C-alpha atoms as a PDB file:
ATOM      1  CA  MET A   1      23.066  -0.873  -1.520  1.00  0.00           C
ATOM      2  CA  ALA A   2      19.425  -0.001  -2.144  1.00  0.00           C
ATOM      3  CA  THR A   3      17.562   1.937   0.516  1.00  0.00           C
ATOM      4  CA  LYS A   4      14.330   0.695   2.077  1.00  0.00           C
ATOM      5  CA  ALA A   5      12.339   3.185   0.035  1.00  0.00           C
ATOM      6  CA  ASP A   6      13.924   1.875  -3.131  1.00  0.00           C
ATOM      7  CA  ILE A   7      12.812  -1.717  -2.528  1.00  0.00           C
ATOM      8  CA  LEU A   8       9.326  -0.611  -1.509  1.00  0.00           C
ATOM      9  CA  VAL A   9       8.941   1.435  -4.686  1.00  0.00           C
ATOM     10  CA  ARG A  10      10.299  -1.377  -6.868  1.00  0.00           C
ATOM     11  CA  PHE A  11       8.016  -3.915  -5.188  1.00  0.00           C
ATOM     12  CA  GLY A  12       5.005  -1.646  -5.632  1.00  0.00           C
ATOM     13  CA  LYS A  13       5.739  -1.178  -9.326  1.00  0.00           C
ATOM     14  CA  ARG A  14       6.084  -4.948  -9.723  1.00  0.00           C
ATOM     15  CA  VAL A  15       2.728  -5.568  -8.015  1.00  0.00           C
ATOM     16  CA  ARG A  16       1.008  -2.924 -10.154  1.00  0.00           C
ATOM     17  CA  GLU A  17       2.528  -4.361 -13.334  1.00  0.00           C
ATOM     18  CA  LEU A  18       1.431  -7.918 -12.540  1.00  0.00           C
ATOM     19  CA  ARG A  19      -2.017  -6.792 -11.354  1.00  0.00           C
ATOM     20  CA  THR A  20      -2.727  -4.868 -14.541  1.00  0.00           C
ATOM     21  CA  GLU A  21      -1.359  -7.676 -16.751  1.00  0.00           C
ATOM     22  CA  ARG A  22      -3.954  -9.947 -15.175  1.00  0.00           C
ATOM     23  CA  GLY A  23      -6.745  -7.440 -15.721  1.00  0.00           C
ATOM     24  CA  TYR A  24      -7.471  -6.649 -12.079  1.00  0.00           C
ATOM     25  CA  SER A  25      -8.674  -3.230 -11.050  1.00  0.00           C
ATOM     26  CA  GLN A  26      -7.036  -2.100  -7.846  1.00  0.00           C
ATOM     27  CA  GLU A  27     -10.315  -2.585  -5.988  1.00  0.00           C
ATOM     28  CA  ALA A  28     -10.949  -6.104  -7.366  1.00  0.00           C
ATOM     29  CA  PHE A  29      -7.364  -7.081  -6.613  1.00  0.00           C
ATOM     30  CA  ALA A  30      -7.610  -5.797  -3.052  1.00  0.00           C
ATOM     31  CA  ASP A  31     -10.833  -7.764  -2.576  1.00  0.00           C
ATOM     32  CA  ALA A  32      -9.227 -10.931  -3.948  1.00  0.00           C
ATOM     33  CA  CYS A  33      -6.256 -10.467  -1.585  1.00  0.00           C
ATOM     34  CA  GLU A  34      -8.611  -9.666   1.317  1.00  0.00           C
ATOM     35  CA  LEU A  35      -6.788  -6.353   1.798  1.00  0.00           C
ATOM     36  CA  ASP A  36      -8.127  -2.807   1.881  1.00  0.00           C
ATOM     37  CA  ARG A  37      -7.967  -0.945  -1.443  1.00  0.00           C
ATOM     38  CA  THR A  38      -6.173   2.005   0.141  1.00  0.00           C
ATOM     39  CA  TYR A  39      -3.569  -0.397   1.557  1.00  0.00           C
ATOM     40  CA  VAL A  40      -2.982  -1.862  -1.921  1.00  0.00           C
ATOM     41  CA  GLY A  41      -2.689   1.670  -3.288  1.00  0.00           C
ATOM     42  CA  GLY A  42      -0.055   2.408  -0.656  1.00  0.00           C
ATOM     43  CA  ILE A  43       1.830  -0.745  -1.618  1.00  0.00           C
ATOM     44  CA  GLU A  44       1.826   0.227  -5.276  1.00  0.00           C
ATOM     45  CA  ARG A  45       3.110   3.721  -4.438  1.00  0.00           C
ATOM     46  CA  GLY A  46       5.912   2.278  -2.290  1.00  0.00           C
ATOM     47  CA  GLU A  47       4.469   3.732   0.910  1.00  0.00           C
ATOM     48  CA  ARG A  48       3.823   0.462   2.767  1.00  0.00           C
ATOM     49  CA  ASN A  49       6.281  -1.947   4.344  1.00  0.00           C
ATOM     50  CA  LEU A  50       4.375  -5.207   4.032  1.00  0.00           C
ATOM     51  CA  ALA A  51       4.207  -8.176   6.348  1.00  0.00           C
ATOM     52  CA  LEU A  52       5.276 -11.484   4.823  1.00  0.00           C
ATOM     53  CA  ARG A  53       1.713 -12.780   5.148  1.00  0.00           C
ATOM     54  CA  ASN A  54       0.463  -9.985   2.917  1.00  0.00           C
ATOM     55  CA  ILE A  55       3.234 -10.581   0.377  1.00  0.00           C
ATOM     56  CA  GLU A  56       2.172 -14.233   0.287  1.00  0.00           C
ATOM     57  CA  ARG A  57      -1.492 -13.215  -0.223  1.00  0.00           C
ATOM     58  CA  ILE A  58      -0.484 -11.031  -3.159  1.00  0.00           C
ATOM     59  CA  ALA A  59       1.560 -13.809  -4.776  1.00  0.00           C
ATOM     60  CA  GLU A  60      -1.258 -16.331  -4.305  1.00  0.00           C
ATOM     61  CA  THR A  61      -3.823 -13.956  -5.783  1.00  0.00           C
ATOM     62  CA  LEU A  62      -1.555 -13.356  -8.783  1.00  0.00           C
ATOM     63  CA  GLY A  63      -1.102 -17.131  -9.159  1.00  0.00           C
ATOM     64  CA  ILE A  64       2.683 -17.004  -8.839  1.00  0.00           C
ATOM     65  CA  SER A  65       5.334 -18.063  -6.344  1.00  0.00           C
ATOM     66  CA  LEU A  66       7.007 -15.699  -3.947  1.00  0.00           C
ATOM     67  CA  ALA A  67      10.202 -16.072  -5.987  1.00  0.00           C
ATOM     68  CA  GLU A  68       8.387 -15.034  -9.164  1.00  0.00           C
ATOM     69  CA  LEU A  69       6.872 -12.044  -7.407  1.00  0.00           C
ATOM     70  CA  MET A  70      10.317 -10.905  -6.266  1.00  0.00           C
ATOM     71  CA  GLU A  71      11.916 -11.470  -9.685  1.00  0.00           C
ATOM     72  CA  GLY A  72      13.903  -8.465 -10.856  1.00  0.00           C
ATOM     73  CA  LEU A  73      13.773  -6.561  -7.594  1.00  0.00           C
END
């Protein structure tokens, strides 16, 4: 079974991958999600355990469903 850190790191890598594919800088993405840039940086490094509301904000900003965001994790 994966540890908590493992899922946080995998989720962060997924967010970074999707963000860069869509051409967002970290700062522009954070603004679009209405989150602090340092918080988004922490997510992408696997240092943050996100609330569901913030996961939903990220998915909406990326223009994908929650299921698509979690794909491959």
